[in-house]
């Protein structure tokens, strides 16, 4: 998947209290590599997510399905993470302490 891809993220499972925050659309702004070689994508949301009293303009996503990439023609199941501390994303590799996993979702290319 490339930077600039427009995605829609829908709720799938694992956190009913987050379900009302979705769906959301946004544009992939960055590919993030973590120390464990996991690839995450930073999504700049068109409209922020409000969760537990905080607004989040960006979320991080990664595929949950081996062999399936985000941005393919078919929807892909993803892990959804809020960004606790954006400064931790500046490191290369990005620090996973920056992520707060909140739910599973489905990613649709728009």
PDB file of N, CA and C in Angstrom:
ATOM      1  N   UNK A   1       0.841  -1.169   0.000  1.00  0.00           N
ATOM      2  CA  UNK A   1       0.000   0.000   0.000  1.00  0.00           C
ATOM      3  C   UNK A   1       0.887   1.233   0.000  1.00  0.00           C
ATOM      4  N   UNK A   2       0.407   2.260  -0.633  1.00  0.00           N
ATOM      5  CA  UNK A   2       1.225   3.457  -0.739  1.00  0.00           C
ATOM      6  C   UNK A   2       0.634   4.614   0.053  1.00  0.00           C
ATOM      7  N   UNK A   3       1.521   5.534   0.418  1.00  0.00           N
ATOM      8  CA  UNK A   3       1.098   6.770   1.051  1.00  0.00           C
ATOM      9  C   UNK A   3       0.140   7.481   0.103  1.00  0.00           C
ATOM     10  N   UNK A   4      -0.919   8.047   0.643  1.00  0.00           N
ATOM     11  CA  UNK A   4      -1.916   8.731  -0.165  1.00  0.00           C
ATOM     12  C   UNK A   4      -3.152   7.899  -0.442  1.00  0.00           C
ATOM     13  N   UNK A   5      -3.115   6.608  -0.111  1.00  0.00           N
ATOM     14  CA  UNK A   5      -4.281   5.749  -0.306  1.00  0.00           C
ATOM     15  C   UNK A   5      -5.394   6.185   0.647  1.00  0.00           C
ATOM     16  N   UNK A   6      -6.602   6.285   0.131  1.00  0.00           N
ATOM     17  CA  UNK A   6      -7.759   6.675   0.944  1.00  0.00           C
ATOM     18  C   UNK A   6      -8.482   5.403   1.395  1.00  0.00           C
ATOM     19  N   UNK A   7      -8.707   5.278   2.713  1.00  0.00           N
ATOM     20  CA  UNK A   7      -9.323   4.088   3.295  1.00  0.00           C
ATOM     21  C   UNK A   7     -10.530   4.454   4.133  1.00  0.00           C
ATOM     22  N   UNK A   8     -11.447   3.489   4.273  1.00  0.00           N
ATOM     23  CA  UNK A   8     -12.541   3.579   5.233  1.00  0.00           C
ATOM     24  C   UNK A   8     -12.358   2.435   6.220  1.00  0.00           C
ATOM     25  N   UNK A   9     -12.406   2.748   7.503  1.00  0.00           N
ATOM     26  CA  UNK A   9     -12.241   1.756   8.555  1.00  0.00           C
ATOM     27  C   UNK A   9     -13.575   1.581   9.263  1.00  0.00           C
ATOM     28  N   UNK A  10     -14.038   0.333   9.325  1.00  0.00           N
ATOM     29  CA  UNK A  10     -15.284  -0.008  10.010  1.00  0.00           C
ATOM     30  C   UNK A  10     -14.973  -0.884  11.212  1.00  0.00           C
ATOM     31  N   UNK A  11     -15.830  -0.843  12.208  1.00  0.00           N
ATOM     32  CA  UNK A  11     -15.665  -1.659  13.404  1.00  0.00           C
ATOM     33  C   UNK A  11     -15.937  -3.129  13.083  1.00  0.00           C
ATOM     34  N   UNK A  12     -15.152  -4.031  13.703  1.00  0.00           N
ATOM     35  CA  UNK A  12     -15.358  -5.464  13.529  1.00  0.00           C
ATOM     36  C   UNK A  12     -15.589  -6.170  14.862  1.00  0.00           C
ATOM     37  N   UNK A  13     -14.685  -5.960  15.856  1.00  0.00           N
ATOM     38  CA  UNK A  13     -14.787  -6.753  17.082  1.00  0.00           C
ATOM     39  C   UNK A  13     -13.809  -6.246  18.141  1.00  0.00           C
ATOM     40  N   UNK A  14     -13.923  -6.807  19.335  1.00  0.00           N
ATOM     41  CA  UNK A  14     -12.987  -6.703  20.443  1.00  0.00           C
ATOM     42  C   UNK A  14     -13.136  -5.495  21.369  1.00  0.00           C
ATOM     43  N   UNK A  15     -14.022  -4.539  21.079  1.00  0.00           N
ATOM     44  CA  UNK A  15     -14.179  -3.417  22.000  1.00  0.00           C
ATOM     45  C   UNK A  15     -15.466  -2.666  21.644  1.00  0.00           C
ATOM     46  N   UNK A  16     -16.575  -3.130  22.203  1.00  0.00           N
ATOM     47  CA  UNK A  16     -17.873  -2.530  21.882  1.00  0.00           C
ATOM     48  C   UNK A  16     -17.929  -1.049  22.251  1.00  0.00           C
ATOM     49  N   UNK A  17     -17.161  -0.620  23.246  1.00  0.00           N
ATOM     50  CA  UNK A  17     -17.182   0.793  23.624  1.00  0.00           C
ATOM     51  C   UNK A  17     -16.530   1.682  22.560  1.00  0.00           C
ATOM     52  N   UNK A  18     -15.736   1.094  21.669  1.00  0.00           N
ATOM     53  CA  UNK A  18     -15.116   1.838  20.578  1.00  0.00           C
ATOM     54  C   UNK A  18     -15.959   1.788  19.302  1.00  0.00           C
ATOM     55  N   UNK A  19     -16.908   0.871  19.239  1.00  0.00           N
ATOM     56  CA  UNK A  19     -17.694   0.652  18.016  1.00  0.00           C
ATOM     57  C   UNK A  19     -18.362   1.925  17.518  1.00  0.00           C
ATOM     58  N   UNK A  20     -18.855   2.763  18.419  1.00  0.00           N
ATOM     59  CA  UNK A  20     -19.528   3.988  18.020  1.00  0.00           C
ATOM     60  C   UNK A  20     -18.609   5.031  17.408  1.00  0.00           C
ATOM     61  N   UNK A  21     -17.305   4.830  17.526  1.00  0.00           N
ATOM     62  CA  UNK A  21     -16.329   5.760  16.952  1.00  0.00           C
ATOM     63  C   UNK A  21     -16.116   5.549  15.457  1.00  0.00           C
ATOM     64  N   UNK A  22     -16.607   4.437  14.947  1.00  0.00           N
ATOM     65  CA  UNK A  22     -16.410   4.085  13.541  1.00  0.00           C
ATOM     66  C   UNK A  22     -17.749   3.982  12.844  1.00  0.00           C
ATOM     67  N   UNK A  23     -17.807   4.076  11.533  1.00  0.00           N
ATOM     68  CA  UNK A  23     -16.689   4.108  10.588  1.00  0.00           C
ATOM     69  C   UNK A  23     -16.051   5.494  10.506  1.00  0.00           C
ATOM     70  N   UNK A  24     -14.802   5.488  10.034  1.00  0.00           N
ATOM     71  CA  UNK A  24     -14.039   6.708   9.761  1.00  0.00           C
ATOM     72  C   UNK A  24     -13.263   6.488   8.467  1.00  0.00           C
ATOM     73  N   UNK A  25     -13.057   7.580   7.754  1.00  0.00           N
ATOM     74  CA  UNK A  25     -12.244   7.547   6.539  1.00  0.00           C
ATOM     75  C   UNK A  25     -11.018   8.410   6.755  1.00  0.00           C
ATOM     76  N   UNK A  26      -9.988   8.118   5.975  1.00  0.00           N
ATOM     77  CA  UNK A  26      -8.777   8.907   6.058  1.00  0.00           C
ATOM     78  C   UNK A  26      -7.788   8.512   4.985  1.00  0.00           C
ATOM     79  N   UNK A  27      -6.650   9.177   5.022  1.00  0.00           N
ATOM     80  CA  UNK A  27      -5.596   8.978   4.026  1.00  0.00           C
ATOM     81  C   UNK A  27      -4.350   8.450   4.724  1.00  0.00           C
ATOM     82  N   UNK A  28      -3.737   7.442   4.130  1.00  0.00           N
ATOM     83  CA  UNK A  28      -2.485   6.905   4.666  1.00  0.00           C
ATOM     84  C   UNK A  28      -1.400   7.966   4.501  1.00  0.00           C
ATOM     85  N   UNK A  29      -0.807   8.367   5.623  1.00  0.00           N
ATOM     86  CA  UNK A  29       0.210   9.422   5.569  1.00  0.00           C
ATOM     87  C   UNK A  29       1.624   8.888   5.756  1.00  0.00           C
ATOM     88  N   UNK A  30       1.730   7.662   6.271  1.00  0.00           N
ATOM     89  CA  UNK A  30       3.067   7.165   6.572  1.00  0.00           C
ATOM     90  C   UNK A  30       3.058   5.665   6.829  1.00  0.00           C
ATOM     91  N   UNK A  31       4.128   5.005   6.411  1.00  0.00           N
ATOM     92  CA  UNK A  31       4.358   3.601   6.728  1.00  0.00           C
ATOM     93  C   UNK A  31       5.305   3.574   7.920  1.00  0.00           C
ATOM     94  N   UNK A  32       4.939   2.827   8.956  1.00  0.00           N
ATOM     95  CA  UNK A  32       5.749   2.756  10.163  1.00  0.00           C
ATOM     96  C   UNK A  32       6.318   1.354  10.328  1.00  0.00           C
ATOM     97  N   UNK A  33       7.598   1.287  10.611  1.00  0.00           N
ATOM     98  CA  UNK A  33       8.256   0.015  10.896  1.00  0.00           C
ATOM     99  C   UNK A  33       8.558   0.000  12.387  1.00  0.00           C
ATOM    100  N   UNK A  34       8.283  -1.122  13.042  1.00  0.00           N
ATOM    101  CA  UNK A  34       8.566  -1.245  14.476  1.00  0.00           C
ATOM    102  C   UNK A  34       9.753  -2.175  14.689  1.00  0.00           C
ATOM    103  N   UNK A  35      10.261  -2.192  15.907  1.00  0.00           N
ATOM    104  CA  UNK A  35      11.452  -2.988  16.233  1.00  0.00           C
ATOM    105  C   UNK A  35      11.238  -4.476  15.969  1.00  0.00           C
ATOM    106  N   UNK A  36      10.006  -4.958  16.085  1.00  0.00           N
ATOM    107  CA  UNK A  36       9.732  -6.372  15.830  1.00  0.00           C
ATOM    108  C   UNK A  36       9.420  -6.641  14.356  1.00  0.00           C
ATOM    109  N   UNK A  37       9.729  -5.678  13.498  1.00  0.00           N
ATOM    110  CA  UNK A  37       9.552  -5.780  12.041  1.00  0.00           C
ATOM    111  C   UNK A  37       8.093  -5.810  11.608  1.00  0.00           C
ATOM    112  N   UNK A  38       7.202  -5.369  12.464  1.00  0.00           N
ATOM    113  CA  UNK A  38       5.795  -5.264  12.104  1.00  0.00           C
ATOM    114  C   UNK A  38       5.583  -3.959  11.341  1.00  0.00           C
ATOM    115  N   UNK A  39       4.775  -4.020  10.294  1.00  0.00           N
ATOM    116  CA  UNK A  39       4.473  -2.829   9.507  1.00  0.00           C
ATOM    117  C   UNK A  39       3.109  -2.289   9.896  1.00  0.00           C
ATOM    118  N   UNK A  40       3.090  -1.041  10.287  1.00  0.00           N
ATOM    119  CA  UNK A  40       1.867  -0.308  10.606  1.00  0.00           C
ATOM    120  C   UNK A  40       1.741   0.840   9.616  1.00  0.00           C
ATOM    121  N   UNK A  41       0.526   1.326   9.442  1.00  0.00           N
ATOM    122  CA  UNK A  41       0.276   2.490   8.605  1.00  0.00           C
ATOM    123  C   UNK A  41      -0.426   3.548   9.441  1.00  0.00           C
ATOM    124  N   UNK A  42       0.034   4.774   9.312  1.00  0.00           N
ATOM    125  CA  UNK A  42      -0.570   5.899  10.006  1.00  0.00           C
ATOM    126  C   UNK A  42      -1.643   6.482   9.102  1.00  0.00           C
ATOM    127  N   UNK A  43      -2.853   6.589   9.627  1.00  0.00           N
ATOM    128  CA  UNK A  43      -3.995   7.076   8.860  1.00  0.00           C
ATOM    129  C   UNK A  43      -4.434   8.418   9.425  1.00  0.00           C
ATOM    130  N   UNK A  44      -4.371   9.462   8.595  1.00  0.00           N
ATOM    131  CA  UNK A  44      -4.867  10.788   8.970  1.00  0.00           C
ATOM    132  C   UNK A  44      -6.364  10.799   8.694  1.00  0.00           C
ATOM    133  N   UNK A  45      -7.152  10.893   9.752  1.00  0.00           N
ATOM    134  CA  UNK A  45      -8.600  10.785   9.627  1.00  0.00           C
ATOM    135  C   UNK A  45      -9.225  12.069   9.088  1.00  0.00           C
ATOM    136  N   UNK A  46     -10.272  11.914   8.293  1.00  0.00           N
ATOM    137  CA  UNK A  46     -11.033  13.059   7.801  1.00  0.00           C
ATOM    138  C   UNK A  46     -11.747  13.758   8.958  1.00  0.00           C
ATOM    139  N   UNK A  47     -12.258  12.969   9.899  1.00  0.00           N
ATOM    140  CA  UNK A  47     -12.916  13.467  11.110  1.00  0.00           C
ATOM    141  C   UNK A  47     -12.316  12.730  12.296  1.00  0.00           C
ATOM    142  N   UNK A  48     -11.956  13.449  13.365  1.00  0.00           N
ATOM    143  CA  UNK A  48     -11.296  12.791  14.487  1.00  0.00           C
ATOM    144  C   UNK A  48     -12.194  11.776  15.201  1.00  0.00           C
ATOM    145  N   UNK A  49     -11.549  10.835  15.858  1.00  0.00           N
ATOM    146  CA  UNK A  49     -12.206   9.865  16.723  1.00  0.00           C
ATOM    147  C   UNK A  49     -12.140  10.421  18.138  1.00  0.00           C
ATOM    148  N   UNK A  50     -13.266  10.379  18.841  1.00  0.00           N
ATOM    149  CA  UNK A  50     -13.253  10.736  20.254  1.00  0.00           C
ATOM    150  C   UNK A  50     -13.438   9.455  21.053  1.00  0.00           C
ATOM    151  N   UNK A  51     -12.503   9.220  21.978  1.00  0.00           N
ATOM    152  CA  UNK A  51     -12.540   7.991  22.763  1.00  0.00           C
ATOM    153  C   UNK A  51     -11.954   8.274  24.137  1.00  0.00           C
ATOM    154  N   UNK A  52     -12.658   7.878  25.152  1.00  0.00           N
ATOM    155  CA  UNK A  52     -12.285   8.083  26.563  1.00  0.00           C
ATOM    156  C   UNK A  52     -11.856   9.523  26.848  1.00  0.00           C
ATOM    157  N   UNK A  53     -12.614  10.453  26.295  1.00  0.00           N
ATOM    158  CA  UNK A  53     -12.384  11.860  26.589  1.00  0.00           C
ATOM    159  C   UNK A  53     -11.291  12.543  25.789  1.00  0.00           C
ATOM    160  N   UNK A  54     -10.688  11.848  24.848  1.00  0.00           N
ATOM    161  CA  UNK A  54      -9.630  12.442  24.025  1.00  0.00           C
ATOM    162  C   UNK A  54      -9.994  12.338  22.550  1.00  0.00           C
ATOM    163  N   UNK A  55      -9.560  13.341  21.786  1.00  0.00           N
ATOM    164  CA  UNK A  55      -9.738  13.301  20.336  1.00  0.00           C
ATOM    165  C   UNK A  55      -8.452  12.825  19.678  1.00  0.00           C
ATOM    166  N   UNK A  56      -8.623  12.020  18.640  1.00  0.00           N
ATOM    167  CA  UNK A  56      -7.486  11.461  17.908  1.00  0.00           C
ATOM    168  C   UNK A  56      -7.693  11.734  16.427  1.00  0.00           C
ATOM    169  N   UNK A  57      -6.796  12.506  15.840  1.00  0.00           N
ATOM    170  CA  UNK A  57      -6.860  12.826  14.419  1.00  0.00           C
ATOM    171  C   UNK A  57      -6.157  11.762  13.576  1.00  0.00           C
ATOM    172  N   UNK A  58      -5.334  10.937  14.225  1.00  0.00           N
ATOM    173  CA  UNK A  58      -4.591   9.881  13.542  1.00  0.00           C
ATOM    174  C   UNK A  58      -4.806   8.564  14.272  1.00  0.00           C
ATOM    175  N   UNK A  59      -4.844   7.473  13.493  1.00  0.00           N
ATOM    176  CA  UNK A  59      -4.832   6.136  14.065  1.00  0.00           C
ATOM    177  C   UNK A  59      -3.774   5.333  13.323  1.00  0.00           C
ATOM    178  N   UNK A  60      -3.347   4.243  13.933  1.00  0.00           N
ATOM    179  CA  UNK A  60      -2.426   3.316  13.274  1.00  0.00           C
ATOM    180  C   UNK A  60      -3.183   2.021  13.012  1.00  0.00           C
ATOM    181  N   UNK A  61      -2.931   1.422  11.854  1.00  0.00           N
ATOM    182  CA  UNK A  61      -3.573   0.160  11.491  1.00  0.00           C
ATOM    183  C   UNK A  61      -2.529  -0.793  10.922  1.00  0.00           C
ATOM    184  N   UNK A  62      -2.807  -2.080  11.071  1.00  0.00           N
ATOM    185  CA  UNK A  62      -2.009  -3.105  10.394  1.00  0.00           C
ATOM    186  C   UNK A  62      -2.896  -4.304  10.131  1.00  0.00           C
ATOM    187  N   UNK A  63      -2.557  -5.056   9.119  1.00  0.00           N
ATOM    188  CA  UNK A  63      -3.356  -6.215   8.728  1.00  0.00           C
ATOM    189  C   UNK A  63      -3.320  -7.276   9.816  1.00  0.00           C
ATOM    190  N   UNK A  64      -4.470  -7.899  10.050  1.00  0.00           N
ATOM    191  CA  UNK A  64      -4.568  -9.033  10.963  1.00  0.00           C
ATOM    192  C   UNK A  64      -4.404 -10.348  10.224  1.00  0.00           C
ATOM    193  N   UNK A  65      -4.499 -10.328   8.909  1.00  0.00           N
ATOM    194  CA  UNK A  65      -4.511 -11.544   8.116  1.00  0.00           C
ATOM    195  C   UNK A  65      -3.185 -11.742   7.402  1.00  0.00           C
ATOM    196  N   UNK A  66      -2.539 -12.839   7.681  1.00  0.00           N
ATOM    197  CA  UNK A  66      -1.289 -13.172   6.997  1.00  0.00           C
ATOM    198  C   UNK A  66      -1.560 -13.343   5.505  1.00  0.00           C
ATOM    199  N   UNK A  67      -0.728 -12.724   4.698  1.00  0.00           N
ATOM    200  CA  UNK A  67      -0.872 -12.825   3.252  1.00  0.00           C
ATOM    201  C   UNK A  67      -1.862 -11.847   2.652  1.00  0.00           C
ATOM    202  N   UNK A  68      -2.477 -11.004   3.484  1.00  0.00           N
ATOM    203  CA  UNK A  68      -3.414  -9.994   2.993  1.00  0.00           C
ATOM    204  C   UNK A  68      -2.911  -8.625   3.408  1.00  0.00           C
ATOM    205  N   UNK A  69      -2.801  -7.760   2.447  1.00  0.00           N
ATOM    206  CA  UNK A  69      -2.308  -6.411   2.703  1.00  0.00           C
ATOM    207  C   UNK A  69      -3.459  -5.414   2.735  1.00  0.00           C
ATOM    208  N   UNK A  70      -3.301  -4.383   3.514  1.00  0.00           N
ATOM    209  CA  UNK A  70      -4.253  -3.278   3.507  1.00  0.00           C
ATOM    210  C   UNK A  70      -4.157  -2.598   2.151  1.00  0.00           C
ATOM    211  N   UNK A  71      -5.302  -2.212   1.610  1.00  0.00           N
ATOM    212  CA  UNK A  71      -5.312  -1.514   0.327  1.00  0.00           C
ATOM    213  C   UNK A  71      -5.585  -2.413  -0.864  1.00  0.00           C
ATOM    214  N   UNK A  72      -5.754  -3.719  -0.631  1.00  0.00           N
ATOM    215  CA  UNK A  72      -6.106  -4.608  -1.731  1.00  0.00           C
ATOM    216  C   UNK A  72      -7.553  -4.358  -2.139  1.00  0.00           C
ATOM    217  N   UNK A  73      -7.959  -4.939  -3.251  1.00  0.00           N
ATOM    218  CA  UNK A  73      -9.317  -4.743  -3.759  1.00  0.00           C
ATOM    219  C   UNK A  73     -10.367  -5.220  -2.753  1.00  0.00           C
ATOM    220  N   UNK A  74     -10.103  -6.321  -2.084  1.00  0.00           N
ATOM    221  CA  UNK A  74     -11.026  -6.858  -1.087  1.00  0.00           C
ATOM    222  C   UNK A  74     -10.730  -6.243   0.282  1.00  0.00           C
ATOM    223  N   UNK A  75     -11.751  -6.025   1.115  1.00  0.00           N
ATOM    224  CA  UNK A  75     -11.521  -5.512   2.466  1.00  0.00           C
ATOM    225  C   UNK A  75     -10.577  -6.421   3.250  1.00  0.00           C
ATOM    226  N   UNK A  76      -9.849  -5.828   4.182  1.00  0.00           N
ATOM    227  CA  UNK A  76      -8.870  -6.549   4.994  1.00  0.00           C
ATOM    228  C   UNK A  76      -9.132  -6.261   6.463  1.00  0.00           C
ATOM    229  N   UNK A  77      -9.080  -7.304   7.278  1.00  0.00           N
ATOM    230  CA  UNK A  77      -9.222  -7.122   8.716  1.00  0.00           C
ATOM    231  C   UNK A  77      -7.948  -6.485   9.267  1.00  0.00           C
ATOM    232  N   UNK A  78      -8.125  -5.504  10.161  1.00  0.00           N
ATOM    233  CA  UNK A  78      -6.981  -4.760  10.694  1.00  0.00           C
ATOM    234  C   UNK A  78      -7.059  -4.641  12.215  1.00  0.00           C
ATOM    235  N   UNK A  79      -5.886  -4.495  12.818  1.00  0.00           N
ATOM    236  CA  UNK A  79      -5.780  -4.037  14.191  1.00  0.00           C
ATOM    237  C   UNK A  79      -5.877  -2.516  14.132  1.00  0.00           C
ATOM    238  N   UNK A  80      -6.594  -1.915  15.078  1.00  0.00           N
ATOM    239  CA  UNK A  80      -6.720  -0.462  15.162  1.00  0.00           C
ATOM    240  C   UNK A  80      -6.063  -0.004  16.453  1.00  0.00           C
ATOM    241  N   UNK A  81      -5.159   0.958  16.330  1.00  0.00           N
ATOM    242  CA  UNK A  81      -4.476   1.499  17.508  1.00  0.00           C
ATOM    243  C   UNK A  81      -4.594   3.019  17.513  1.00  0.00           C
ATOM    244  N   UNK A  82      -4.861   3.564  18.689  1.00  0.00           N
ATOM    245  CA  UNK A  82      -4.788   5.003  18.880  1.00  0.00           C
ATOM    246  C   UNK A  82      -3.336   5.363  19.161  1.00  0.00           C
ATOM    247  N   UNK A  83      -2.989   6.605  18.946  1.00  0.00           N
ATOM    248  CA  UNK A  83      -1.616   7.057  19.158  1.00  0.00           C
ATOM    249  C   UNK A  83      -1.539   7.736  20.526  1.00  0.00           C
ATOM    250  N   UNK A  84      -0.858   7.083  21.464  1.00  0.00           N
ATOM    251  CA  UNK A  84      -0.704   7.644  22.815  1.00  0.00           C
ATOM    252  C   UNK A  84       0.213   8.852  22.824  1.00  0.00           C
ATOM    253  N   UNK A  85       1.347   8.704  22.144  1.00  0.00           N
ATOM    254  CA  UNK A  85       2.370   9.750  22.156  1.00  0.00           C
ATOM    255  C   UNK A  85       2.967   9.860  20.756  1.00  0.00           C
ATOM    256  N   UNK A  86       2.516  10.832  19.962  1.00  0.00           N
ATOM    257  CA  UNK A  86       3.013  10.960  18.577  1.00  0.00           C
ATOM    258  C   UNK A  86       4.520  11.111  18.475  1.00  0.00           C
ATOM    259  N   UNK A  87       5.176  11.637  19.494  1.00  0.00           N
ATOM    260  CA  UNK A  87       6.631  11.808  19.419  1.00  0.00           C
ATOM    261  C   UNK A  87       7.354  10.460  19.334  1.00  0.00           C
ATOM    262  N   UNK A  88       6.733   9.383  19.839  1.00  0.00           N
ATOM    263  CA  UNK A  88       7.357   8.060  19.776  1.00  0.00           C
ATOM    264  C   UNK A  88       7.354   7.487  18.361  1.00  0.00           C
ATOM    265  N   UNK A  89       6.572   8.087  17.478  1.00  0.00           N
ATOM    266  CA  UNK A  89       6.541   7.627  16.091  1.00  0.00           C
ATOM    267  C   UNK A  89       7.684   8.193  15.273  1.00  0.00           C
ATOM    268  N   UNK A  90       8.386   9.158  15.806  1.00  0.00           N
ATOM    269  CA  UNK A  90       9.472   9.804  15.071  1.00  0.00           C
ATOM    270  C   UNK A  90      10.715   8.924  15.006  1.00  0.00           C
ATOM    271  N   UNK A  91      10.847   7.992  15.936  1.00  0.00           N
ATOM    272  CA  UNK A  91      11.992   7.091  15.928  1.00  0.00           C
ATOM    273  C   UNK A  91      11.872   6.110  14.766  1.00  0.00           C
ATOM    274  N   UNK A  92      12.993   5.594  14.306  1.00  0.00           N
ATOM    275  CA  UNK A  92      12.991   4.548  13.303  1.00  0.00           C
ATOM    276  C   UNK A  92      13.887   3.424  13.810  1.00  0.00           C
ATOM    277  N   UNK A  93      13.304   2.332  14.282  1.00  0.00           N
ATOM    278  CA  UNK A  93      11.901   1.975  14.168  1.00  0.00           C
ATOM    279  C   UNK A  93      11.027   2.718  15.175  1.00  0.00           C
ATOM    280  N   UNK A  94       9.722   2.820  14.842  1.00  0.00           N
ATOM    281  CA  UNK A  94       8.761   3.477  15.733  1.00  0.00           C
ATOM    282  C   UNK A  94       8.619   2.657  17.008  1.00  0.00           C
ATOM    283  N   UNK A  95       8.387   3.330  18.110  1.00  0.00           N
ATOM    284  CA  UNK A  95       8.227   2.650  19.399  1.00  0.00           C
ATOM    285  C   UNK A  95       6.776   2.196  19.558  1.00  0.00           C
ATOM    286  N   UNK A  96       6.583   0.914  19.833  1.00  0.00           N
ATOM    287  CA  UNK A  96       5.229   0.385  19.966  1.00  0.00           C
ATOM    288  C   UNK A  96       4.534   0.912  21.218  1.00  0.00           C
ATOM    289  N   UNK A  97       5.272   1.524  22.138  1.00  0.00           N
ATOM    290  CA  UNK A  97       4.636   2.160  23.298  1.00  0.00           C
ATOM    291  C   UNK A  97       3.726   3.298  22.854  1.00  0.00           C
ATOM    292  N   UNK A  98       3.902   3.773  21.643  1.00  0.00           N
ATOM    293  CA  UNK A  98       3.068   4.857  21.122  1.00  0.00           C
ATOM    294  C   UNK A  98       1.648   4.381  20.837  1.00  0.00           C
ATOM    295  N   UNK A  99       1.457   3.067  20.669  1.00  0.00           N
ATOM    296  CA  UNK A  99       0.168   2.522  20.254  1.00  0.00           C
ATOM    297  C   UNK A  99      -0.676   2.045  21.425  1.00  0.00           C
ATOM    298  N   UNK A 100      -1.974   2.290  21.339  1.00  0.00           N
ATOM    299  CA  UNK A 100      -2.949   1.714  22.262  1.00  0.00           C
ATOM    300  C   UNK A 100      -3.940   0.937  21.407  1.00  0.00           C
ATOM    301  N   UNK A 101      -3.795  -0.393  21.399  1.00  0.00           N
ATOM    302  CA  UNK A 101      -4.715  -1.217  20.619  1.00  0.00           C
ATOM    303  C   UNK A 101      -6.117  -1.074  21.186  1.00  0.00           C
ATOM    304  N   UNK A 102      -7.082  -0.725  20.324  1.00  0.00           N
ATOM    305  CA  UNK A 102      -8.431  -0.490  20.827  1.00  0.00           C
ATOM    306  C   UNK A 102      -9.484  -1.405  20.209  1.00  0.00           C
ATOM    307  N   UNK A 103      -9.235  -1.957  19.031  1.00  0.00           N
ATOM    308  CA  UNK A 103     -10.279  -2.786  18.402  1.00  0.00           C
ATOM    309  C   UNK A 103      -9.728  -3.465  17.151  1.00  0.00           C
ATOM    310  N   UNK A 104     -10.560  -4.328  16.600  1.00  0.00           N
ATOM    311  CA  UNK A 104     -10.343  -4.892  15.275  1.00  0.00           C
ATOM    312  C   UNK A 104     -11.321  -4.206  14.329  1.00  0.00           C
ATOM    313  N   UNK A 105     -10.883  -4.013  13.110  1.00  0.00           N
ATOM    314  CA  UNK A 105     -11.760  -3.376  12.124  1.00  0.00           C
ATOM    315  C   UNK A 105     -11.615  -4.006  10.760  1.00  0.00           C
ATOM    316  N   UNK A 106     -12.350  -3.466   9.804  1.00  0.00           N
ATOM    317  CA  UNK A 106     -12.225  -3.844   8.402  1.00  0.00           C
ATOM    318  C   UNK A 106     -11.821  -2.600   7.632  1.00  0.00           C
ATOM    319  N   UNK A 107     -10.801  -2.758   6.807  1.00  0.00           N
ATOM    320  CA  UNK A 107     -10.272  -1.663   5.996  1.00  0.00           C
ATOM    321  C   UNK A 107     -10.765  -1.831   4.566  1.00  0.00           C
ATOM    322  N   UNK A 108     -11.359  -0.770   4.026  1.00  0.00           N
ATOM    323  CA  UNK A 108     -11.872  -0.756   2.656  1.00  0.00           C
ATOM    324  C   UNK A 108     -11.145   0.347   1.888  1.00  0.00           C
ATOM    325  N   UNK A 109     -10.636   0.020   0.706  1.00  0.00           N
ATOM    326  CA  UNK A 109     -10.030   1.027  -0.160  1.00  0.00           C
ATOM    327  C   UNK A 109     -11.145   1.831  -0.804  1.00  0.00           C
ATOM    328  N   UNK A 110     -10.972   3.170  -0.823  1.00  0.00           N
ATOM    329  CA  UNK A 110     -11.994   4.029  -1.432  1.00  0.00           C
ATOM    330  C   UNK A 110     -11.479   4.638  -2.715  1.00  0.00           C
TER     331      UNK A 110
END
